[in-house]
Amino acid sequence: QPHHMPESHRRHSEWSPHRFLSWARKIGPATHTVVRHQLENRPHPEHGYRACLGILHQVRHYGNERLERACVQAVKIGSPTYKSIASILKKGLDRHLSSQEPMLEHDLPDHGNLRGSGYYH
């Protein structure tokens, strides 16, 4: 890594859409959908990195299962954002969702600015 860069820039350079999507996929399909939404609804995927980190770091406090259920809820209400997911987790609203309820990637509403997963390969 370039040593002339400030540390915050060096850390930022370690991330990529593929890395975020891979991490999210390990948590679950709804989390993957939310992270994909963050990356695809920005003029440049890099603009969504901070939101992706915020969402994915919720695992530290709440665990994979609760984050996945919160992402299901956020997609259902049409608000797959960090703010919504953090609120769902904080208020325990994810606990009202059956862990058996499936979440498919195509459940996210169509949006004119979505690039699709092929854009990142």
PDB file of N, CA and C in Angstrom:
ATOM      1  N   GLN A   1       0.839  -1.184   0.000  1.00  0.00           N
ATOM      2  CA  GLN A   1       0.000   0.000   0.000  1.00  0.00           C
ATOM      3  C   GLN A   1       0.879   1.241   0.000  1.00  0.00           C
ATOM      4  N   PRO A   2       0.444   2.263  -0.699  1.00  0.00           N
ATOM      5  CA  PRO A   2       1.241   3.488  -0.734  1.00  0.00           C
ATOM      6  C   PRO A   2       1.340   4.120   0.647  1.00  0.00           C
ATOM      7  N   HIS A   3       2.581   4.347   1.085  1.00  0.00           N
ATOM      8  CA  HIS A   3       2.800   4.906   2.417  1.00  0.00           C
ATOM      9  C   HIS A   3       2.592   6.409   2.469  1.00  0.00           C
ATOM     10  N   HIS A   4       2.521   7.051   1.303  1.00  0.00           N
ATOM     11  CA  HIS A   4       2.320   8.501   1.294  1.00  0.00           C
ATOM     12  C   HIS A   4       0.868   8.886   1.580  1.00  0.00           C
ATOM     13  N   MET A   5      -0.023   7.915   1.514  1.00  0.00           N
ATOM     14  CA  MET A   5      -1.444   8.196   1.717  1.00  0.00           C
ATOM     15  C   MET A   5      -1.767   8.258   3.208  1.00  0.00           C
ATOM     16  N   PRO A   6      -2.717   9.113   3.587  1.00  0.00           N
ATOM     17  CA  PRO A   6      -3.186   9.090   4.980  1.00  0.00           C
ATOM     18  C   PRO A   6      -3.773   7.714   5.294  1.00  0.00           C
ATOM     19  N   GLU A   7      -3.714   7.312   6.559  1.00  0.00           N
ATOM     20  CA  GLU A   7      -4.176   5.972   6.929  1.00  0.00           C
ATOM     21  C   GLU A   7      -5.625   5.723   6.534  1.00  0.00           C
ATOM     22  N   SER A   8      -6.480   6.734   6.669  1.00  0.00           N
ATOM     23  CA  SER A   8      -7.890   6.548   6.308  1.00  0.00           C
ATOM     24  C   SER A   8      -8.031   6.232   4.824  1.00  0.00           C
ATOM     25  N   HIS A   9      -7.196   6.821   3.985  1.00  0.00           N
ATOM     26  CA  HIS A   9      -7.243   6.536   2.545  1.00  0.00           C
ATOM     27  C   HIS A   9      -6.704   5.143   2.252  1.00  0.00           C
ATOM     28  N   ARG A  10      -5.673   4.740   2.999  1.00  0.00           N
ATOM     29  CA  ARG A  10      -5.132   3.395   2.794  1.00  0.00           C
ATOM     30  C   ARG A  10      -6.171   2.343   3.157  1.00  0.00           C
ATOM     31  N   ARG A  11      -6.861   2.545   4.285  1.00  0.00           N
ATOM     32  CA  ARG A  11      -7.909   1.592   4.680  1.00  0.00           C
ATOM     33  C   ARG A  11      -8.999   1.542   3.622  1.00  0.00           C
ATOM     34  N   HIS A  12      -9.374   2.704   3.109  1.00  0.00           N
ATOM     35  CA  HIS A  12     -10.424   2.789   2.097  1.00  0.00           C
ATOM     36  C   HIS A  12     -10.023   2.026   0.835  1.00  0.00           C
ATOM     37  N   SER A  13      -8.730   2.061   0.493  1.00  0.00           N
ATOM     38  CA  SER A  13      -8.279   1.404  -0.735  1.00  0.00           C
ATOM     39  C   SER A  13      -8.331  -0.117  -0.634  1.00  0.00           C
ATOM     40  N   GLU A  14      -8.499  -0.650   0.582  1.00  0.00           N
ATOM     41  CA  GLU A  14      -8.587  -2.100   0.765  1.00  0.00           C
ATOM     42  C   GLU A  14      -9.951  -2.651   0.358  1.00  0.00           C
ATOM     43  N   TRP A  15     -10.936  -1.796   0.199  1.00  0.00           N
ATOM     44  CA  TRP A  15     -12.294  -2.247  -0.058  1.00  0.00           C
ATOM     45  C   TRP A  15     -12.618  -2.213  -1.542  1.00  0.00           C
ATOM     46  N   SER A  16     -13.538  -3.081  -1.939  1.00  0.00           N
ATOM     47  CA  SER A  16     -14.022  -3.128  -3.318  1.00  0.00           C
ATOM     48  C   SER A  16     -15.458  -3.633  -3.284  1.00  0.00           C
ATOM     49  N   PRO A  17     -16.228  -3.352  -4.332  1.00  0.00           N
ATOM     50  CA  PRO A  17     -17.595  -3.891  -4.367  1.00  0.00           C
ATOM     51  C   PRO A  17     -17.609  -5.408  -4.179  1.00  0.00           C
ATOM     52  N   HIS A  18     -16.674  -6.091  -4.825  1.00  0.00           N
ATOM     53  CA  HIS A  18     -16.633  -7.550  -4.723  1.00  0.00           C
ATOM     54  C   HIS A  18     -16.427  -7.992  -3.270  1.00  0.00           C
ATOM     55  N   ARG A  19     -15.553  -7.308  -2.552  1.00  0.00           N
ATOM     56  CA  ARG A  19     -15.274  -7.677  -1.160  1.00  0.00           C
ATOM     57  C   ARG A  19     -16.502  -7.465  -0.272  1.00  0.00           C
ATOM     58  N   PHE A  20     -17.190  -6.327  -0.460  1.00  0.00           N
ATOM     59  CA  PHE A  20     -18.404  -6.081   0.323  1.00  0.00           C
ATOM     60  C   PHE A  20     -19.482  -7.109  -0.003  1.00  0.00           C
ATOM     61  N   LEU A  21     -19.675  -7.398  -1.287  1.00  0.00           N
ATOM     62  CA  LEU A  21     -20.716  -8.345  -1.696  1.00  0.00           C
ATOM     63  C   LEU A  21     -20.407  -9.747  -1.181  1.00  0.00           C
ATOM     64  N   SER A  22     -19.145 -10.112  -1.199  1.00  0.00           N
ATOM     65  CA  SER A  22     -18.730 -11.422  -0.706  1.00  0.00           C
ATOM     66  C   SER A  22     -19.002 -11.551   0.794  1.00  0.00           C
ATOM     67  N   TRP A  23     -18.657 -10.528   1.548  1.00  0.00           N
ATOM     68  CA  TRP A  23     -18.882 -10.498   2.995  1.00  0.00           C
ATOM     69  C   TRP A  23     -20.383 -10.580   3.280  1.00  0.00           C
ATOM     70  N   ALA A  24     -21.165  -9.792   2.558  1.00  0.00           N
ATOM     71  CA  ALA A  24     -22.615  -9.768   2.762  1.00  0.00           C
ATOM     72  C   ALA A  24     -23.240 -11.117   2.418  1.00  0.00           C
ATOM     73  N   ARG A  25     -22.765 -11.750   1.346  1.00  0.00           N
ATOM     74  CA  ARG A  25     -23.309 -13.043   0.917  1.00  0.00           C
ATOM     75  C   ARG A  25     -23.126 -14.084   2.017  1.00  0.00           C
ATOM     76  N   LYS A  26     -22.031 -14.000   2.780  1.00  0.00           N
ATOM     77  CA  LYS A  26     -21.783 -14.954   3.870  1.00  0.00           C
ATOM     78  C   LYS A  26     -22.788 -14.778   5.007  1.00  0.00           C
ATOM     79  N   ILE A  27     -23.337 -13.582   5.147  1.00  0.00           N
ATOM     80  CA  ILE A  27     -24.323 -13.318   6.200  1.00  0.00           C
ATOM     81  C   ILE A  27     -25.692 -13.806   5.759  1.00  0.00           C
ATOM     82  N   GLY A  28     -26.060 -13.522   4.509  1.00  0.00           N
ATOM     83  CA  GLY A  28     -27.342 -13.990   4.003  1.00  0.00           C
ATOM     84  C   GLY A  28     -27.792 -13.230   2.773  1.00  0.00           C
ATOM     85  N   PRO A  29     -28.818 -13.753   2.093  1.00  0.00           N
ATOM     86  CA  PRO A  29     -29.281 -13.141   0.841  1.00  0.00           C
ATOM     87  C   PRO A  29     -29.855 -11.738   1.013  1.00  0.00           C
ATOM     88  N   ALA A  30     -30.535 -11.466   2.114  1.00  0.00           N
ATOM     89  CA  ALA A  30     -31.102 -10.123   2.305  1.00  0.00           C
ATOM     90  C   ALA A  30     -29.988  -9.112   2.553  1.00  0.00           C
ATOM     91  N   THR A  31     -28.991  -9.507   3.323  1.00  0.00           N
ATOM     92  CA  THR A  31     -27.850  -8.620   3.568  1.00  0.00           C
ATOM     93  C   THR A  31     -27.131  -8.351   2.257  1.00  0.00           C
ATOM     94  N   HIS A  32     -26.987  -9.373   1.435  1.00  0.00           N
ATOM     95  CA  HIS A  32     -26.362  -9.206   0.116  1.00  0.00           C
ATOM     96  C   HIS A  32     -27.170  -8.222  -0.730  1.00  0.00           C
ATOM     97  N   THR A  33     -28.489  -8.348  -0.696  1.00  0.00           N
ATOM     98  CA  THR A  33     -29.360  -7.447  -1.452  1.00  0.00           C
ATOM     99  C   THR A  33     -29.185  -6.004  -0.995  1.00  0.00           C
ATOM    100  N   VAL A  34     -29.138  -5.795   0.308  1.00  0.00           N
ATOM    101  CA  VAL A  34     -28.994  -4.437   0.854  1.00  0.00           C
ATOM    102  C   VAL A  34     -27.639  -3.844   0.472  1.00  0.00           C
ATOM    103  N   VAL A  35     -26.581  -4.619   0.603  1.00  0.00           N
ATOM    104  CA  VAL A  35     -25.245  -4.119   0.256  1.00  0.00           C
ATOM    105  C   VAL A  35     -25.177  -3.821  -1.237  1.00  0.00           C
ATOM    106  N   ARG A  36     -25.743  -4.706  -2.047  1.00  0.00           N
ATOM    107  CA  ARG A  36     -25.772  -4.471  -3.497  1.00  0.00           C
ATOM    108  C   ARG A  36     -26.512  -3.174  -3.792  1.00  0.00           C
ATOM    109  N   HIS A  37     -27.608  -2.946  -3.096  1.00  0.00           N
ATOM    110  CA  HIS A  37     -28.386  -1.717  -3.269  1.00  0.00           C
ATOM    111  C   HIS A  37     -27.529  -0.491  -2.928  1.00  0.00           C
ATOM    112  N   GLN A  38     -26.774  -0.565  -1.847  1.00  0.00           N
ATOM    113  CA  GLN A  38     -25.903   0.553  -1.455  1.00  0.00           C
ATOM    114  C   GLN A  38     -24.878   0.854  -2.542  1.00  0.00           C
ATOM    115  N   LEU A  39     -24.311  -0.178  -3.126  1.00  0.00           N
ATOM    116  CA  LEU A  39     -23.276   0.004  -4.145  1.00  0.00           C
ATOM    117  C   LEU A  39     -23.851   0.463  -5.481  1.00  0.00           C
ATOM    118  N   GLU A  40     -25.037  -0.019  -5.811  1.00  0.00           N
ATOM    119  CA  GLU A  40     -25.611   0.257  -7.128  1.00  0.00           C
ATOM    120  C   GLU A  40     -26.368   1.569  -7.207  1.00  0.00           C
ATOM    121  N   ASN A  41     -26.730   2.143  -6.096  1.00  0.00           N
ATOM    122  CA  ASN A  41     -27.510   3.378  -6.122  1.00  0.00           C
ATOM    123  C   ASN A  41     -26.672   4.610  -5.821  1.00  0.00           C
ATOM    124  N   ARG A  42     -25.425   4.535  -6.143  1.00  0.00           N
ATOM    125  CA  ARG A  42     -24.509   5.666  -5.996  1.00  0.00           C
ATOM    126  C   ARG A  42     -23.874   5.910  -7.368  1.00  0.00           C
ATOM    127  N   PRO A  43     -23.491   7.153  -7.670  1.00  0.00           N
ATOM    128  CA  PRO A  43     -22.825   7.404  -8.953  1.00  0.00           C
ATOM    129  C   PRO A  43     -21.562   6.548  -9.110  1.00  0.00           C
ATOM    130  N   HIS A  44     -20.875   6.302  -7.998  1.00  0.00           N
ATOM    131  CA  HIS A  44     -19.691   5.442  -7.987  1.00  0.00           C
ATOM    132  C   HIS A  44     -19.834   4.512  -6.793  1.00  0.00           C
ATOM    133  N   PRO A  45     -19.538   3.218  -6.972  1.00  0.00           N
ATOM    134  CA  PRO A  45     -19.685   2.276  -5.861  1.00  0.00           C
ATOM    135  C   PRO A  45     -18.951   2.717  -4.598  1.00  0.00           C
ATOM    136  N   GLU A  46     -17.819   3.414  -4.759  1.00  0.00           N
ATOM    137  CA  GLU A  46     -17.032   3.839  -3.603  1.00  0.00           C
ATOM    138  C   GLU A  46     -17.846   4.710  -2.650  1.00  0.00           C
ATOM    139  N   HIS A  47     -18.836   5.416  -3.183  1.00  0.00           N
ATOM    140  CA  HIS A  47     -19.665   6.285  -2.344  1.00  0.00           C
ATOM    141  C   HIS A  47     -20.500   5.476  -1.349  1.00  0.00           C
ATOM    142  N   GLY A  48     -20.747   4.225  -1.650  1.00  0.00           N
ATOM    143  CA  GLY A  48     -21.528   3.377  -0.757  1.00  0.00           C
ATOM    144  C   GLY A  48     -20.702   2.617   0.268  1.00  0.00           C
ATOM    145  N   TYR A  49     -19.377   2.740   0.202  1.00  0.00           N
ATOM    146  CA  TYR A  49     -18.511   1.952   1.087  1.00  0.00           C
ATOM    147  C   TYR A  49     -18.789   2.216   2.559  1.00  0.00           C
ATOM    148  N   ARG A  50     -18.944   3.467   2.923  1.00  0.00           N
ATOM    149  CA  ARG A  50     -19.152   3.805   4.335  1.00  0.00           C
ATOM    150  C   ARG A  50     -20.470   3.199   4.839  1.00  0.00           C
ATOM    151  N   ALA A  51     -21.518   3.290   4.024  1.00  0.00           N
ATOM    152  CA  ALA A  51     -22.806   2.695   4.401  1.00  0.00           C
ATOM    153  C   ALA A  51     -22.675   1.176   4.517  1.00  0.00           C
ATOM    154  N   CYS A  52     -21.972   0.563   3.561  1.00  0.00           N
ATOM    155  CA  CYS A  52     -21.777  -0.889   3.606  1.00  0.00           C
ATOM    156  C   CYS A  52     -21.044  -1.299   4.878  1.00  0.00           C
ATOM    157  N   LEU A  53     -19.993  -0.575   5.214  1.00  0.00           N
ATOM    158  CA  LEU A  53     -19.250  -0.886   6.440  1.00  0.00           C
ATOM    159  C   LEU A  53     -20.140  -0.741   7.666  1.00  0.00           C
ATOM    160  N   GLY A  54     -20.927   0.314   7.701  1.00  0.00           N
ATOM    161  CA  GLY A  54     -21.826   0.526   8.827  1.00  0.00           C
ATOM    162  C   GLY A  54     -22.826  -0.605   8.972  1.00  0.00           C
ATOM    163  N   ILE A  55     -23.390  -1.034   7.858  1.00  0.00           N
ATOM    164  CA  ILE A  55     -24.365  -2.128   7.873  1.00  0.00           C
ATOM    165  C   ILE A  55     -23.692  -3.427   8.308  1.00  0.00           C
ATOM    166  N   LEU A  56     -22.590  -3.770   7.654  1.00  0.00           N
ATOM    167  CA  LEU A  56     -21.930  -5.043   7.932  1.00  0.00           C
ATOM    168  C   LEU A  56     -21.328  -5.101   9.334  1.00  0.00           C
ATOM    169  N   HIS A  57     -20.923  -3.973   9.861  1.00  0.00           N
ATOM    170  CA  HIS A  57     -20.372  -3.965  11.224  1.00  0.00           C
ATOM    171  C   HIS A  57     -21.443  -4.141  12.297  1.00  0.00           C
ATOM    172  N   GLN A  58     -22.712  -4.096  11.931  1.00  0.00           N
ATOM    173  CA  GLN A  58     -23.782  -4.376  12.893  1.00  0.00           C
ATOM    174  C   GLN A  58     -23.665  -5.807  13.422  1.00  0.00           C
ATOM    175  N   VAL A  59     -23.006  -6.669  12.650  1.00  0.00           N
ATOM    176  CA  VAL A  59     -22.796  -8.061  13.055  1.00  0.00           C
ATOM    177  C   VAL A  59     -22.058  -8.130  14.390  1.00  0.00           C
ATOM    178  N   ARG A  60     -21.152  -7.202  14.625  1.00  0.00           N
ATOM    179  CA  ARG A  60     -20.361  -7.219  15.866  1.00  0.00           C
ATOM    180  C   ARG A  60     -21.255  -7.189  17.100  1.00  0.00           C
ATOM    181  N   HIS A  61     -22.310  -6.412  17.031  1.00  0.00           N
ATOM    182  CA  HIS A  61     -23.186  -6.252  18.196  1.00  0.00           C
ATOM    183  C   HIS A  61     -24.391  -7.199  18.167  1.00  0.00           C
ATOM    184  N   TYR A  62     -24.921  -7.456  16.963  1.00  0.00           N
ATOM    185  CA  TYR A  62     -26.186  -8.192  16.869  1.00  0.00           C
ATOM    186  C   TYR A  62     -26.061  -9.609  16.312  1.00  0.00           C
ATOM    187  N   GLY A  63     -24.972  -9.934  15.654  1.00  0.00           N
ATOM    188  CA  GLY A  63     -24.804 -11.261  15.070  1.00  0.00           C
ATOM    189  C   GLY A  63     -25.392 -11.357  13.670  1.00  0.00           C
ATOM    190  N   ASN A  64     -25.002 -12.415  12.967  1.00  0.00           N
ATOM    191  CA  ASN A  64     -25.417 -12.609  11.574  1.00  0.00           C
ATOM    192  C   ASN A  64     -26.927 -12.758  11.409  1.00  0.00           C
ATOM    193  N   GLU A  65     -27.532 -13.585  12.257  1.00  0.00           N
ATOM    194  CA  GLU A  65     -28.960 -13.885  12.092  1.00  0.00           C
ATOM    195  C   GLU A  65     -29.826 -12.636  12.253  1.00  0.00           C
ATOM    196  N   ARG A  66     -29.544 -11.843  13.268  1.00  0.00           N
ATOM    197  CA  ARG A  66     -30.354 -10.631  13.485  1.00  0.00           C
ATOM    198  C   ARG A  66     -30.125  -9.612  12.371  1.00  0.00           C
ATOM    199  N   LEU A  67     -28.876  -9.465  11.922  1.00  0.00           N
ATOM    200  CA  LEU A  67     -28.623  -8.533  10.823  1.00  0.00           C
ATOM    201  C   LEU A  67     -29.374  -8.985   9.581  1.00  0.00           C
ATOM    202  N   GLU A  68     -29.333 -10.258   9.287  1.00  0.00           N
ATOM    203  CA  GLU A  68     -30.040 -10.776   8.110  1.00  0.00           C
ATOM    204  C   GLU A  68     -31.541 -10.493   8.220  1.00  0.00           C
ATOM    205  N   ARG A  69     -32.129 -10.746   9.383  1.00  0.00           N
ATOM    206  CA  ARG A  69     -33.564 -10.488   9.547  1.00  0.00           C
ATOM    207  C   ARG A  69     -33.873  -8.993   9.451  1.00  0.00           C
ATOM    208  N   ALA A  70     -32.997  -8.151   9.968  1.00  0.00           N
ATOM    209  CA  ALA A  70     -33.205  -6.699   9.859  1.00  0.00           C
ATOM    210  C   ALA A  70     -33.142  -6.270   8.400  1.00  0.00           C
ATOM    211  N   CYS A  71     -32.257  -6.877   7.638  1.00  0.00           N
ATOM    212  CA  CYS A  71     -32.167  -6.555   6.208  1.00  0.00           C
ATOM    213  C   CYS A  71     -33.429  -7.001   5.469  1.00  0.00           C
ATOM    214  N   VAL A  72     -33.978  -8.157   5.848  1.00  0.00           N
ATOM    215  CA  VAL A  72     -35.252  -8.601   5.258  1.00  0.00           C
ATOM    216  C   VAL A  72     -36.318  -7.538   5.516  1.00  0.00           C
ATOM    217  N   GLN A  73     -36.412  -7.084   6.760  1.00  0.00           N
ATOM    218  CA  GLN A  73     -37.408  -6.065   7.118  1.00  0.00           C
ATOM    219  C   GLN A  73     -37.181  -4.774   6.335  1.00  0.00           C
ATOM    220  N   ALA A  74     -35.930  -4.337   6.241  1.00  0.00           N
ATOM    221  CA  ALA A  74     -35.612  -3.084   5.546  1.00  0.00           C
ATOM    222  C   ALA A  74     -36.009  -3.155   4.076  1.00  0.00           C
ATOM    223  N   VAL A  75     -35.765  -4.290   3.449  1.00  0.00           N
ATOM    224  CA  VAL A  75     -36.148  -4.453   2.039  1.00  0.00           C
ATOM    225  C   VAL A  75     -37.670  -4.457   1.912  1.00  0.00           C
ATOM    226  N   LYS A  76     -38.344  -5.144   2.839  1.00  0.00           N
ATOM    227  CA  LYS A  76     -39.813  -5.207   2.791  1.00  0.00           C
ATOM    228  C   LYS A  76     -40.457  -3.833   2.891  1.00  0.00           C
ATOM    229  N   ILE A  77     -39.871  -2.948   3.692  1.00  0.00           N
ATOM    230  CA  ILE A  77     -40.462  -1.613   3.833  1.00  0.00           C
ATOM    231  C   ILE A  77     -39.920  -0.640   2.788  1.00  0.00           C
ATOM    232  N   GLY A  78     -39.076  -1.152   1.885  1.00  0.00           N
ATOM    233  CA  GLY A  78     -38.558  -0.316   0.802  1.00  0.00           C
ATOM    234  C   GLY A  78     -37.504   0.681   1.248  1.00  0.00           C
ATOM    235  N   SER A  79     -36.809   0.370   2.342  1.00  0.00           N
ATOM    236  CA  SER A  79     -35.797   1.288   2.862  1.00  0.00           C
ATOM    237  C   SER A  79     -34.525   0.529   3.257  1.00  0.00           C
ATOM    238  N   PRO A  80     -33.802  -0.008   2.257  1.00  0.00           N
ATOM    239  CA  PRO A  80     -32.595  -0.786   2.557  1.00  0.00           C
ATOM    240  C   PRO A  80     -31.393   0.117   2.848  1.00  0.00           C
ATOM    241  N   THR A  81     -31.494   0.898   3.926  1.00  0.00           N
ATOM    242  CA  THR A  81     -30.461   1.874   4.268  1.00  0.00           C
ATOM    243  C   THR A  81     -29.847   1.543   5.623  1.00  0.00           C
ATOM    244  N   TYR A  82     -28.676   2.093   5.868  1.00  0.00           N
ATOM    245  CA  TYR A  82     -28.021   1.913   7.163  1.00  0.00           C
ATOM    246  C   TYR A  82     -28.929   2.401   8.285  1.00  0.00           C
ATOM    247  N   LYS A  83     -29.496   3.578   8.103  1.00  0.00           N
ATOM    248  CA  LYS A  83     -30.334   4.183   9.147  1.00  0.00           C
ATOM    249  C   LYS A  83     -31.516   3.272   9.501  1.00  0.00           C
ATOM    250  N   SER A  84     -32.187   2.733   8.493  1.00  0.00           N
ATOM    251  CA  SER A  84     -33.329   1.842   8.741  1.00  0.00           C
ATOM    252  C   SER A  84     -32.899   0.559   9.440  1.00  0.00           C
ATOM    253  N   ILE A  85     -31.809  -0.032   8.971  1.00  0.00           N
ATOM    254  CA  ILE A  85     -31.343  -1.293   9.547  1.00  0.00           C
ATOM    255  C   ILE A  85     -30.915  -1.095  10.998  1.00  0.00           C
ATOM    256  N   ALA A  86     -30.189  -0.015  11.263  1.00  0.00           N
ATOM    257  CA  ALA A  86     -29.765   0.273  12.639  1.00  0.00           C
ATOM    258  C   ALA A  86     -30.980   0.476  13.543  1.00  0.00           C
ATOM    259  N   SER A  87     -31.997   1.152  13.036  1.00  0.00           N
ATOM    260  CA  SER A  87     -33.211   1.396  13.813  1.00  0.00           C
ATOM    261  C   SER A  87     -33.971   0.091  14.076  1.00  0.00           C
ATOM    262  N   ILE A  88     -34.093  -0.743  13.058  1.00  0.00           N
ATOM    263  CA  ILE A  88     -34.771  -2.038  13.200  1.00  0.00           C
ATOM    264  C   ILE A  88     -34.079  -2.870  14.284  1.00  0.00           C
ATOM    265  N   LEU A  89     -32.754  -2.908  14.239  1.00  0.00           N
ATOM    266  CA  LEU A  89     -31.997  -3.684  15.225  1.00  0.00           C
ATOM    267  C   LEU A  89     -32.132  -3.094  16.624  1.00  0.00           C
ATOM    268  N   LYS A  90     -31.988  -1.784  16.725  1.00  0.00           N
ATOM    269  CA  LYS A  90     -32.046  -1.122  18.033  1.00  0.00           C
ATOM    270  C   LYS A  90     -33.403  -1.334  18.701  1.00  0.00           C
ATOM    271  N   LYS A  91     -34.478  -1.277  17.896  1.00  0.00           N
ATOM    272  CA  LYS A  91     -35.831  -1.436  18.435  1.00  0.00           C
ATOM    273  C   LYS A  91     -36.261  -2.896  18.536  1.00  0.00           C
ATOM    274  N   GLY A  92     -35.424  -3.815  18.039  1.00  0.00           N
ATOM    275  CA  GLY A  92     -35.748  -5.236  18.107  1.00  0.00           C
ATOM    276  C   GLY A  92     -36.829  -5.665  17.134  1.00  0.00           C
ATOM    277  N   LEU A  93     -37.089  -4.860  16.109  1.00  0.00           N
ATOM    278  CA  LEU A  93     -38.154  -5.194  15.158  1.00  0.00           C
ATOM    279  C   LEU A  93     -37.823  -6.433  14.336  1.00  0.00           C
ATOM    280  N   ASP A  94     -36.545  -6.757  14.223  1.00  0.00           N
ATOM    281  CA  ASP A  94     -36.139  -7.955  13.485  1.00  0.00           C
ATOM    282  C   ASP A  94     -36.597  -9.225  14.194  1.00  0.00           C
ATOM    283  N   ARG A  95     -36.871  -9.133  15.478  1.00  0.00           N
ATOM    284  CA  ARG A  95     -37.280 -10.317  16.245  1.00  0.00           C
ATOM    285  C   ARG A  95     -38.703 -10.768  15.904  1.00  0.00           C
ATOM    286  N   HIS A  96     -39.443  -9.928  15.215  1.00  0.00           N
ATOM    287  CA  HIS A  96     -40.818 -10.263  14.841  1.00  0.00           C
ATOM    288  C   HIS A  96     -40.890 -11.034  13.534  1.00  0.00           C
ATOM    289  N   LEU A  97     -39.749 -11.230  12.894  1.00  0.00           N
ATOM    290  CA  LEU A  97     -39.701 -11.919  11.610  1.00  0.00           C
ATOM    291  C   LEU A  97     -39.264 -13.355  11.836  1.00  0.00           C
ATOM    292  N   SER A  98     -39.995 -14.267  11.272  1.00  0.00           N
ATOM    293  CA  SER A  98     -39.626 -15.671  11.375  1.00  0.00           C
ATOM    294  C   SER A  98     -38.309 -15.899  10.646  1.00  0.00           C
ATOM    295  N   SER A  99     -37.409 -16.644  11.259  1.00  0.00           N
ATOM    296  CA  SER A  99     -36.136 -16.940  10.601  1.00  0.00           C
ATOM    297  C   SER A  99     -36.347 -17.892   9.430  1.00  0.00           C
ATOM    298  N   GLN A 100     -37.549 -18.472   9.321  1.00  0.00           N
ATOM    299  CA  GLN A 100     -37.853 -19.369   8.211  1.00  0.00           C
ATOM    300  C   GLN A 100     -38.306 -18.612   6.965  1.00  0.00           C
ATOM    301  N   GLU A 101     -38.598 -17.331   7.119  1.00  0.00           N
ATOM    302  CA  GLU A 101     -39.115 -16.556   5.999  1.00  0.00           C
ATOM    303  C   GLU A 101     -38.003 -16.292   4.994  1.00  0.00           C
ATOM    304  N   PRO A 102     -38.160 -16.772   3.766  1.00  0.00           N
ATOM    305  CA  PRO A 102     -37.085 -16.614   2.784  1.00  0.00           C
ATOM    306  C   PRO A 102     -36.994 -15.188   2.247  1.00  0.00           C
ATOM    307  N   MET A 103     -35.814 -14.828   1.816  1.00  0.00           N
ATOM    308  CA  MET A 103     -35.583 -13.516   1.213  1.00  0.00           C
ATOM    309  C   MET A 103     -34.788 -13.744  -0.063  1.00  0.00           C
ATOM    310  N   LEU A 104     -35.369 -13.360  -1.168  1.00  0.00           N
ATOM    311  CA  LEU A 104     -34.691 -13.539  -2.444  1.00  0.00           C
ATOM    312  C   LEU A 104     -34.186 -12.204  -2.952  1.00  0.00           C
ATOM    313  N   GLU A 105     -33.081 -12.246  -3.691  1.00  0.00           N
ATOM    314  CA  GLU A 105     -32.476 -11.012  -4.178  1.00  0.00           C
ATOM    315  C   GLU A 105     -33.419 -10.212  -5.053  1.00  0.00           C
ATOM    316  N   HIS A 106     -34.283 -10.883  -5.790  1.00  0.00           N
ATOM    317  CA  HIS A 106     -35.154 -10.133  -6.698  1.00  0.00           C
ATOM    318  C   HIS A 106     -36.302  -9.435  -5.971  1.00  0.00           C
ATOM    319  N   ASP A 107     -36.368  -9.564  -4.648  1.00  0.00           N
ATOM    320  CA  ASP A 107     -37.421  -8.886  -3.894  1.00  0.00           C
ATOM    321  C   ASP A 107     -37.216  -7.377  -3.794  1.00  0.00           C
ATOM    322  N   LEU A 108     -36.018  -6.894  -4.085  1.00  0.00           N
ATOM    323  CA  LEU A 108     -35.766  -5.458  -4.049  1.00  0.00           C
ATOM    324  C   LEU A 108     -36.464  -4.823  -5.243  1.00  0.00           C
ATOM    325  N   PRO A 109     -37.230  -3.761  -5.039  1.00  0.00           N
ATOM    326  CA  PRO A 109     -37.948  -3.145  -6.151  1.00  0.00           C
ATOM    327  C   PRO A 109     -37.001  -2.670  -7.243  1.00  0.00           C
ATOM    328  N   ASP A 110     -37.490  -2.727  -8.489  1.00  0.00           N
ATOM    329  CA  ASP A 110     -36.697  -2.235  -9.613  1.00  0.00           C
ATOM    330  C   ASP A 110     -36.470  -0.746  -9.457  1.00  0.00           C
ATOM    331  N   HIS A 111     -35.303  -0.314  -9.855  1.00  0.00           N
ATOM    332  CA  HIS A 111     -34.948   1.095  -9.759  1.00  0.00           C
ATOM    333  C   HIS A 111     -34.143   1.436 -11.004  1.00  0.00           C
ATOM    334  N   GLY A 112     -34.414   2.561 -11.623  1.00  0.00           N
ATOM    335  CA  GLY A 112     -33.772   2.953 -12.869  1.00  0.00           C
ATOM    336  C   GLY A 112     -32.266   3.066 -12.801  1.00  0.00           C
ATOM    337  N   ASN A 113     -31.701   3.291 -11.627  1.00  0.00           N
ATOM    338  CA  ASN A 113     -30.257   3.465 -11.513  1.00  0.00           C
ATOM    339  C   ASN A 113     -29.508   2.187 -11.166  1.00  0.00           C
ATOM    340  N   LEU A 114     -30.194   1.067 -11.032  1.00  0.00           N
ATOM    341  CA  LEU A 114     -29.519  -0.175 -10.675  1.00  0.00           C
ATOM    342  C   LEU A 114     -28.682  -0.667 -11.841  1.00  0.00           C
ATOM    343  N   ARG A 115     -27.450  -1.052 -11.560  1.00  0.00           N
ATOM    344  CA  ARG A 115     -26.544  -1.506 -12.604  1.00  0.00           C
ATOM    345  C   ARG A 115     -26.600  -3.019 -12.787  1.00  0.00           C
ATOM    346  N   GLY A 116     -26.964  -3.740 -11.777  1.00  0.00           N
ATOM    347  CA  GLY A 116     -26.975  -5.190 -11.869  1.00  0.00           C
ATOM    348  C   GLY A 116     -25.632  -5.770 -11.464  1.00  0.00           C
ATOM    349  N   SER A 117     -25.644  -7.031 -11.036  1.00  0.00           N
ATOM    350  CA  SER A 117     -24.424  -7.644 -10.517  1.00  0.00           C
ATOM    351  C   SER A 117     -23.359  -7.815 -11.591  1.00  0.00           C
ATOM    352  N   GLY A 118     -23.745  -7.927 -12.859  1.00  0.00           N
ATOM    353  CA  GLY A 118     -22.787  -8.074 -13.948  1.00  0.00           C
ATOM    354  C   GLY A 118     -21.872  -6.879 -14.102  1.00  0.00           C
ATOM    355  N   TYR A 119     -22.296  -5.733 -13.613  1.00  0.00           N
ATOM    356  CA  TYR A 119     -21.505  -4.506 -13.725  1.00  0.00           C
ATOM    357  C   TYR A 119     -20.174  -4.627 -13.000  1.00  0.00           C
ATOM    358  N   TYR A 120     -20.120  -5.414 -11.937  1.00  0.00           N
ATOM    359  CA  TYR A 120     -18.940  -5.473 -11.081  1.00  0.00           C
ATOM    360  C   TYR A 120     -17.987  -6.603 -11.437  1.00  0.00           C
ATOM    361  N   HIS A 121     -18.267  -7.352 -12.478  1.00  0.00           N
ATOM    362  CA  HIS A 121     -17.393  -8.494 -12.817  1.00  0.00           C
ATOM    363  C   HIS A 121     -16.550  -8.198 -14.018  1.00  0.00           C
TER     364      HIS A 121
END
